[in-house]
Amino acid sequence: MSKVVLLATVSAVLVLGACAKHHRPAPMEPVAAPIYVEPVSSKSKY
């Protein structure tokens, strides 16, 4: 039984390692600049 568990563990490690090796990170998108609106002064004081 222990040989079966050991074989399953080694197989799982090999499969996961092979899958992780082929994983490509997602392309990074540029961060958009924050939108800033300058305050407009009104003609009246208040």
N, C-alpha and C. Protein backbone atom coordinates (compact mmCIF):
# COMPACT_ATOMS: atom_id res chain seq x y z
N MET A 1 0.83 -1.20 0.00
CA MET A 1 0.00 0.00 0.00
C MET A 1 0.87 1.26 0.00
N SER A 2 1.97 1.25 0.74
CA SER A 2 2.80 2.44 0.82
C SER A 2 3.46 2.74 -0.52
N LYS A 3 3.74 1.68 -1.32
CA LYS A 3 4.32 1.91 -2.64
C LYS A 3 3.32 2.60 -3.55
N VAL A 4 2.05 2.26 -3.42
CA VAL A 4 1.01 2.88 -4.23
C VAL A 4 0.87 4.35 -3.86
N VAL A 5 0.90 4.66 -2.58
CA VAL A 5 0.79 6.04 -2.12
C VAL A 5 2.02 6.83 -2.57
N LEU A 6 3.20 6.24 -2.46
CA LEU A 6 4.43 6.91 -2.88
C LEU A 6 4.40 7.17 -4.40
N LEU A 7 3.96 6.20 -5.18
CA LEU A 7 3.87 6.36 -6.62
C LEU A 7 2.86 7.44 -6.99
N ALA A 8 1.73 7.48 -6.30
CA ALA A 8 0.71 8.50 -6.57
C ALA A 8 1.23 9.89 -6.22
N THR A 9 1.97 10.00 -5.13
CA THR A 9 2.53 11.28 -4.72
C THR A 9 3.56 11.78 -5.72
N VAL A 10 4.45 10.91 -6.14
CA VAL A 10 5.48 11.29 -7.12
C VAL A 10 4.83 11.67 -8.44
N SER A 11 3.82 10.93 -8.86
CA SER A 11 3.12 11.24 -10.11
C SER A 11 2.43 12.60 -10.03
N ALA A 12 1.80 12.88 -8.90
CA ALA A 12 1.11 14.16 -8.73
C ALA A 12 2.11 15.32 -8.77
N VAL A 13 3.27 15.15 -8.15
CA VAL A 13 4.29 16.19 -8.15
C VAL A 13 4.80 16.43 -9.57
N LEU A 14 5.03 15.37 -10.31
CA LEU A 14 5.51 15.51 -11.69
C LEU A 14 4.48 16.19 -12.59
N VAL A 15 3.23 15.82 -12.45
CA VAL A 15 2.17 16.41 -13.28
C VAL A 15 2.01 17.89 -12.94
N LEU A 16 1.98 18.22 -11.66
CA LEU A 16 1.83 19.62 -11.26
C LEU A 16 3.04 20.44 -11.68
N GLY A 17 4.21 19.87 -11.59
CA GLY A 17 5.42 20.57 -12.02
C GLY A 17 5.41 20.84 -13.51
N ALA A 18 4.95 19.88 -14.30
CA ALA A 18 4.89 20.07 -15.74
C ALA A 18 3.86 21.12 -16.12
N CYS A 19 2.74 21.14 -15.42
CA CYS A 19 1.70 22.14 -15.70
C CYS A 19 2.18 23.53 -15.30
N ALA A 20 2.88 23.65 -14.20
CA ALA A 20 3.36 24.94 -13.73
C ALA A 20 4.44 25.49 -14.66
N LYS A 21 5.20 24.62 -15.28
CA LYS A 21 6.27 25.06 -16.18
C LYS A 21 5.69 25.71 -17.44
N HIS A 22 4.53 25.25 -17.89
CA HIS A 22 3.93 25.77 -19.11
C HIS A 22 3.00 26.95 -18.87
N HIS A 23 2.81 27.33 -17.62
CA HIS A 23 1.92 28.44 -17.30
C HIS A 23 2.55 29.76 -17.72
N ARG A 24 1.78 30.57 -18.46
CA ARG A 24 2.26 31.88 -18.88
C ARG A 24 1.49 32.95 -18.11
N PRO A 25 2.18 33.94 -17.59
CA PRO A 25 1.47 35.00 -16.87
C PRO A 25 0.65 35.86 -17.84
N ALA A 26 -0.44 36.40 -17.35
CA ALA A 26 -1.30 37.24 -18.17
C ALA A 26 -0.57 38.52 -18.53
N PRO A 27 -0.77 39.01 -19.75
CA PRO A 27 -0.09 40.25 -20.13
C PRO A 27 -0.58 41.43 -19.28
N MET A 28 0.36 42.29 -18.90
CA MET A 28 0.02 43.43 -18.06
C MET A 28 -0.54 44.55 -18.93
N GLU A 29 -1.64 45.15 -18.50
CA GLU A 29 -2.21 46.28 -19.21
C GLU A 29 -1.70 47.56 -18.57
N PRO A 30 -1.42 48.59 -19.35
CA PRO A 30 -0.95 49.84 -18.75
C PRO A 30 -2.03 50.47 -17.88
N VAL A 31 -1.60 51.08 -16.81
CA VAL A 31 -2.53 51.72 -15.90
C VAL A 31 -2.92 53.07 -16.47
N ALA A 32 -4.22 53.32 -16.53
CA ALA A 32 -4.70 54.60 -17.07
C ALA A 32 -4.41 55.72 -16.08
N ALA A 33 -4.12 56.90 -16.60
CA ALA A 33 -3.86 58.05 -15.75
C ALA A 33 -5.16 58.47 -15.06
N PRO A 34 -5.08 58.91 -13.82
CA PRO A 34 -6.30 59.33 -13.14
C PRO A 34 -6.91 60.57 -13.81
N ILE A 35 -8.22 60.64 -13.81
CA ILE A 35 -8.90 61.77 -14.42
C ILE A 35 -8.94 62.91 -13.39
N TYR A 36 -8.46 64.06 -13.79
CA TYR A 36 -8.45 65.21 -12.90
C TYR A 36 -9.06 66.40 -13.63
N VAL A 37 -10.06 67.03 -13.01
CA VAL A 37 -10.71 68.19 -13.58
C VAL A 37 -10.38 69.38 -12.69
N GLU A 38 -9.82 70.41 -13.29
CA GLU A 38 -9.48 71.59 -12.50
C GLU A 38 -10.75 72.34 -12.14
N PRO A 39 -10.81 72.88 -10.93
CA PRO A 39 -12.00 73.63 -10.52
C PRO A 39 -12.14 74.91 -11.34
N VAL A 40 -13.37 75.23 -11.68
CA VAL A 40 -13.65 76.43 -12.46
C VAL A 40 -14.23 77.47 -11.51
N SER A 41 -13.63 78.66 -11.50
CA SER A 41 -14.14 79.69 -10.59
C SER A 41 -15.41 80.30 -11.17
N SER A 42 -16.35 80.55 -10.30
CA SER A 42 -17.60 81.16 -10.74
C SER A 42 -17.45 82.68 -10.68
N LYS A 43 -18.34 83.39 -11.34
CA LYS A 43 -18.27 84.86 -11.39
C LYS A 43 -18.71 85.47 -10.08
N SER A 44 -19.58 84.80 -9.36
CA SER A 44 -20.03 85.35 -8.07
C SER A 44 -19.13 84.83 -6.96
N LYS A 45 -19.16 85.54 -5.82
CA LYS A 45 -18.33 85.11 -4.70
C LYS A 45 -18.82 83.79 -4.14
N TYR A 46 -20.14 83.66 -3.95
CA TYR A 46 -20.69 82.45 -3.36
C TYR A 46 -21.76 81.92 -4.22
